[in-house]
């Protein structure tokens, strides 16, 4: 099936869903889904972004700005995953509890506003990654139209580029909690340290990076093509000053560079992935 045919299939699926809420984060997948749903459904769709301490303010503002640019109806809902002990303890199922909170909140809103469907931006490639949030989506019967249309990450980026959406090449970015090592409780203080550290890296001109929180240690991942700019004595001094100022005792630069989901490498075995998928 051609990319054009897969896009037409997506439009058909969206029109068949009726009044739809789209779980929207501002990343390319959810942004393209919200854009496509707005074009297919008009006033019968609403993008919903969940606001909580795990969402960086820069990402929230960019998501809001994109929705305004594309005239996508948007609602910001407050979620309370930080009040869930299962989420705060930060084990391998943290993402499940986050998505369970999100979809439960959206279900309540959908019932009040008479929306028929909740959809999210799962794509074909996501099935091969460790994403326990997918189990929460299944339990809440959340639609995955990008997946059902057979669209991969590359397909979505290409369709977004063809639609002249500025997010088409936006780097992937998970929630701030994903930066905290498993087993270390998610706290507002830790989230704030990660957010401020990543804001500082962005201000230094880096584009794709993560700040990984290992207690006293800040482990900085920067995309390999950007690493040369980080590996100077002057930059070492600046990074040390920034991250020690945020409360870290040790500051490390990861020589493997940025890897999406690198925290998952600490999980024991691969059976857990199958159990939660």
Protein backbone atom coordinates (compact mmCIF):
# COMPACT_ATOMS: atom_id res chain seq x y z
CA UNK A 1 0.00 0.00 0.00
CA UNK A 2 1.39 3.41 -0.96
CA UNK A 3 1.88 6.24 1.52
CA UNK A 4 -0.97 8.11 -0.14
CA UNK A 5 -3.25 5.10 0.30
CA UNK A 6 -2.26 4.76 3.97
CA UNK A 7 -3.05 8.45 4.49
CA UNK A 8 -6.47 7.96 2.88
CA UNK A 9 -7.02 4.96 5.15
CA UNK A 10 -6.21 7.18 8.15
CA UNK A 11 -8.76 9.75 7.05
CA UNK A 12 -11.40 7.05 6.65
CA UNK A 13 -10.71 5.71 10.13
CA UNK A 14 -10.92 9.16 11.66
CA UNK A 15 -14.22 9.98 9.98
CA UNK A 16 -15.65 6.66 11.19
CA UNK A 17 -14.75 7.39 14.82
CA UNK A 18 -17.32 10.13 15.34
CA UNK A 19 -16.64 12.83 17.93
CA UNK A 20 -13.05 12.25 18.96
CA UNK A 21 -10.64 13.34 21.68
CA UNK A 22 -6.98 13.13 20.64
CA UNK A 23 -4.34 12.62 23.33
CA UNK A 24 -1.88 15.32 22.28
CA UNK A 25 1.63 15.99 23.56
CA UNK A 26 3.11 18.15 20.82
CA UNK A 27 5.42 15.43 19.50
CA UNK A 28 5.30 14.67 15.79
CA UNK A 29 3.01 11.61 16.12
CA UNK A 30 0.31 13.19 18.25
CA UNK A 31 0.67 16.53 16.46
CA UNK A 32 0.12 14.94 13.06
CA UNK A 33 -2.79 12.87 14.40
CA UNK A 34 -4.41 16.00 15.85
CA UNK A 35 -3.84 17.85 12.57
CA UNK A 36 -5.34 15.01 10.51
CA UNK A 37 -8.29 14.63 12.88
CA UNK A 38 -9.01 18.36 12.77
CA UNK A 39 -9.11 18.22 8.96
CA UNK A 40 -11.22 15.06 8.86
CA UNK A 41 -13.65 15.87 11.67
CA UNK A 42 -13.71 19.64 12.04
CA UNK A 43 -15.64 20.63 15.16
CA UNK A 44 -16.13 16.96 16.05
CA UNK A 45 -12.56 16.67 17.36
CA UNK A 46 -10.64 18.12 20.28
CA UNK A 47 -6.97 17.75 21.12
CA UNK A 48 -6.30 17.22 24.82
CA UNK A 49 -2.94 17.87 26.44
CA UNK A 50 -2.32 16.59 29.97
CA UNK A 51 -0.57 19.10 32.19
CA UNK A 52 1.40 17.93 35.22
CA UNK A 53 4.87 18.42 36.77
CA UNK A 54 6.27 15.81 34.35
CA UNK A 55 5.55 18.03 31.33
CA UNK A 56 8.28 20.59 30.62
CA UNK A 57 6.97 24.14 30.29
CA UNK A 58 8.80 24.62 26.99
CA UNK A 59 7.07 21.54 25.56
CA UNK A 60 3.67 22.68 26.80
CA UNK A 61 4.08 26.12 25.25
CA UNK A 62 5.30 24.70 21.94
CA UNK A 63 2.35 22.28 21.82
CA UNK A 64 -0.09 25.10 22.47
CA UNK A 65 1.58 27.29 19.84
CA UNK A 66 1.45 24.53 17.21
CA UNK A 67 -2.25 23.94 17.87
CA UNK A 68 -2.90 27.66 17.46
CA UNK A 69 -0.89 27.75 14.21
CA UNK A 70 -2.87 24.89 12.73
CA UNK A 71 -6.24 25.92 14.20
CA UNK A 72 -6.55 22.68 16.12
CA UNK A 73 -9.11 22.91 18.95
CA UNK A 74 -7.23 22.33 22.21
CA UNK A 75 -8.12 21.65 25.84
CA UNK A 76 -5.56 21.49 28.66
CA UNK A 77 -6.52 19.02 31.39
CA UNK A 78 -4.76 18.63 34.73
CA UNK A 79 -3.74 15.06 35.55
CA UNK A 80 -2.80 13.73 38.98
CA UNK A 81 -0.33 10.92 38.41
CA UNK A 82 1.94 12.44 41.08
CA UNK A 83 -0.74 11.51 43.63
CA UNK A 84 -0.50 7.83 42.68
CA UNK A 85 2.03 5.89 44.83
CA UNK A 86 2.38 3.35 42.01
CA UNK A 87 3.61 6.12 39.72
CA UNK A 88 5.85 7.86 42.22
CA UNK A 89 7.73 4.68 43.14
CA UNK A 90 8.99 4.64 39.54
CA UNK A 91 9.28 0.99 38.69
CA UNK A 92 9.12 -0.48 35.19
CA UNK A 93 5.35 0.08 35.04
CA UNK A 94 5.49 3.83 35.69
CA UNK A 95 4.37 4.63 32.15
CA UNK A 96 1.36 2.35 32.57
CA UNK A 97 0.18 4.32 35.62
CA UNK A 98 0.79 7.63 33.82
CA UNK A 99 -1.29 6.59 30.81
CA UNK A 100 -3.93 5.01 33.04
CA UNK A 101 -4.34 8.40 34.76
CA UNK A 102 -4.41 10.22 31.42
CA UNK A 103 -7.01 8.01 29.81
CA UNK A 104 -9.19 7.88 32.93
CA UNK A 105 -9.17 11.69 33.02
CA UNK A 106 -9.99 11.85 29.32
CA UNK A 107 -12.82 9.32 29.74
CA UNK A 108 -14.45 11.47 32.40
CA UNK A 109 -14.13 14.54 30.19
CA UNK A 110 -15.39 12.65 27.12
CA UNK A 111 -18.50 11.47 28.95
CA UNK A 112 -19.35 15.00 30.06
CA UNK A 113 -18.75 16.51 26.63
CA UNK A 114 -20.31 13.64 24.64
CA UNK A 115 -17.23 12.51 22.74
CA UNK A 116 -17.44 8.97 21.37
CA UNK A 117 -13.79 8.06 20.86
CA UNK A 118 -10.42 8.66 22.48
CA UNK A 119 -7.41 8.26 20.16
CA UNK A 120 -3.66 8.42 20.64
CA UNK A 121 -0.58 8.53 18.43
CA UNK A 122 0.71 4.95 18.53
CA UNK A 123 2.46 4.01 15.29
CA UNK A 124 3.76 0.78 13.76
CA UNK A 125 7.32 1.24 15.07
CA UNK A 126 6.16 1.75 18.65
CA UNK A 127 5.19 -1.90 18.89
CA UNK A 128 8.84 -2.97 18.97
CA UNK A 129 9.76 -0.70 21.92
CA UNK A 130 9.16 -1.08 25.65
CA UNK A 131 5.99 0.98 26.15
CA UNK A 132 3.82 -0.25 29.05
CA UNK A 133 1.47 2.66 28.40
CA UNK A 134 0.11 0.63 25.50
CA UNK A 135 -1.47 -1.78 27.99
CA UNK A 136 -3.32 1.13 29.62
CA UNK A 137 -4.56 2.22 26.19
CA UNK A 138 -5.88 -1.27 25.51
CA UNK A 139 -7.64 -1.44 28.87
CA UNK A 140 -9.33 1.91 28.22
CA UNK A 141 -10.20 0.94 24.62
CA UNK A 142 -8.27 3.86 23.16
CA UNK A 143 -8.12 3.95 19.38
CA UNK A 144 -4.78 3.94 17.56
CA UNK A 145 -5.63 5.17 14.04
CA UNK A 146 -2.01 5.74 12.96
CA UNK A 147 -1.22 2.13 13.79
CA UNK A 148 -4.41 0.83 12.19
CA UNK A 149 -3.60 2.76 9.01
CA UNK A 150 -0.18 1.07 8.91
CA UNK A 151 1.84 4.27 9.37
CA UNK A 152 5.44 4.09 10.58
CA UNK A 153 7.42 6.87 12.25
CA UNK A 154 9.10 7.66 8.93
CA UNK A 155 5.69 7.77 7.20
CA UNK A 156 4.34 10.21 9.77
CA UNK A 157 7.36 12.49 9.47
CA UNK A 158 7.04 12.45 5.68
CA UNK A 159 3.31 13.21 5.76
CA UNK A 160 3.95 16.02 8.24
CA UNK A 161 6.69 17.40 5.96
CA UNK A 162 4.37 17.21 2.96
CA UNK A 163 1.74 19.13 4.95
CA UNK A 164 4.38 21.76 5.80
CA UNK A 165 4.07 21.12 9.53
CA UNK A 166 7.10 22.54 11.32
CA UNK A 167 7.17 19.60 13.74
CA UNK A 168 7.97 17.09 10.98
CA UNK A 169 11.60 16.70 12.14
CA UNK A 170 11.08 17.51 15.80
CA UNK A 171 13.26 15.32 18.03
CA UNK A 172 11.44 12.72 20.10
CA UNK A 173 10.83 13.76 23.68
CA UNK A 174 9.27 11.68 26.43
CA UNK A 175 8.03 13.06 29.74
CA UNK A 176 10.46 14.34 32.36
CA UNK A 177 9.83 11.31 34.60
CA UNK A 178 11.47 9.08 31.99
CA UNK A 179 14.77 10.80 32.83
CA UNK A 180 14.79 9.48 36.41
CA UNK A 181 16.39 6.08 36.94
CA UNK A 182 14.01 3.25 37.75
CA UNK A 183 13.59 2.70 41.48
CA UNK A 184 14.30 6.33 42.38
CA UNK A 185 11.06 8.03 43.41
CA UNK A 186 9.65 10.65 41.07
CA UNK A 187 9.61 13.92 42.99
CA UNK A 188 8.82 17.47 41.97
CA UNK A 189 12.37 18.44 42.94
CA UNK A 190 13.92 15.81 40.66
CA UNK A 191 11.64 16.76 37.78
CA UNK A 192 12.52 20.44 38.22
CA UNK A 193 16.27 19.67 38.22
CA UNK A 194 15.92 17.69 34.98
CA UNK A 195 13.78 20.37 33.34
CA UNK A 196 16.13 23.19 34.29
CA UNK A 197 19.12 21.19 33.14
CA UNK A 198 17.55 20.50 29.75
CA UNK A 199 16.53 24.14 29.40
CA UNK A 200 20.18 25.04 29.99
CA UNK A 201 21.39 22.58 27.34
CA UNK A 202 18.89 24.04 24.88
CA UNK A 203 20.15 27.54 25.67
CA UNK A 204 23.70 26.34 24.93
CA UNK A 205 22.57 25.45 21.40
CA UNK A 206 22.15 21.68 21.66
CA UNK A 207 19.14 20.19 19.87
CA UNK A 208 18.80 16.53 20.82
CA UNK A 209 19.71 15.49 24.35
CA UNK A 210 18.56 14.06 27.67
CA UNK A 211 19.48 14.73 31.28
CA UNK A 212 19.38 11.40 33.12
CA UNK A 213 18.88 11.68 36.88
CA UNK A 214 20.87 9.13 38.91
CA UNK A 215 20.59 10.72 42.34
CA UNK A 216 23.83 12.61 42.93
CA UNK A 217 24.88 12.01 39.33
CA UNK A 218 23.62 13.89 36.28
CA UNK A 219 24.30 11.79 33.15
CA UNK A 220 24.06 13.98 30.06
CA UNK A 221 23.27 12.39 26.70
CA UNK A 222 23.84 14.51 23.60
CA UNK A 223 23.30 13.36 20.01
CA UNK A 224 26.55 11.98 18.58
CA UNK A 225 26.69 14.53 15.78
CA UNK A 226 26.54 17.27 18.42
CA UNK A 227 29.04 15.71 20.84
CA UNK A 228 32.11 17.54 19.44
CA UNK A 229 30.61 20.85 20.58
CA UNK A 230 30.21 19.42 24.09
CA UNK A 231 33.69 17.96 24.38
CA UNK A 232 35.75 21.06 25.08
CA UNK A 233 37.28 22.17 28.34
CA UNK A 234 35.19 25.34 28.27
CA UNK A 235 31.96 23.37 27.82
CA UNK A 236 32.98 20.93 30.58
CA UNK A 237 33.32 23.89 32.93
CA UNK A 238 29.95 25.32 31.91
CA UNK A 239 28.17 21.98 32.31
CA UNK A 240 29.78 21.44 35.70
CA UNK A 241 28.67 24.86 36.89
CA UNK A 242 25.12 24.41 35.61
CA UNK A 243 24.47 20.95 37.01
CA UNK A 244 26.23 21.38 40.33
CA UNK A 245 24.13 24.52 40.68
CA UNK A 246 21.07 22.30 40.29
CA UNK A 247 22.15 20.12 43.21
CA UNK A 248 24.05 17.31 41.51
CA UNK A 249 27.35 16.24 43.06
CA UNK A 250 28.78 14.64 39.92
CA UNK A 251 28.32 15.59 36.26
CA UNK A 252 29.00 13.05 33.50
CA UNK A 253 28.83 13.26 29.71
CA UNK A 254 27.70 9.93 28.22
CA UNK A 255 30.12 9.01 25.43
CA UNK A 256 27.51 6.78 23.73
CA UNK A 257 25.49 9.90 23.01
CA UNK A 258 21.72 10.31 23.02
CA UNK A 259 19.64 7.09 22.95
CA UNK A 260 15.89 7.19 23.26
CA UNK A 261 14.81 4.95 26.14
CA UNK A 262 18.33 4.31 27.41
CA UNK A 263 17.01 3.90 30.97
CA UNK A 264 15.28 0.71 29.81
CA UNK A 265 18.67 -0.99 29.46
CA UNK A 266 18.70 -1.38 33.24
CA UNK A 267 15.53 -3.50 33.20
CA UNK A 268 16.13 -7.20 33.89
CA UNK A 269 15.52 -9.39 30.83
CA UNK A 270 13.11 -8.98 27.95
CA UNK A 271 10.24 -11.03 29.36
CA UNK A 272 8.80 -7.99 31.09
CA UNK A 273 8.33 -6.29 27.75
CA UNK A 274 6.21 -9.19 26.50
CA UNK A 275 4.27 -9.33 29.77
CA UNK A 276 3.25 -5.68 29.54
CA UNK A 277 2.66 -5.48 25.80
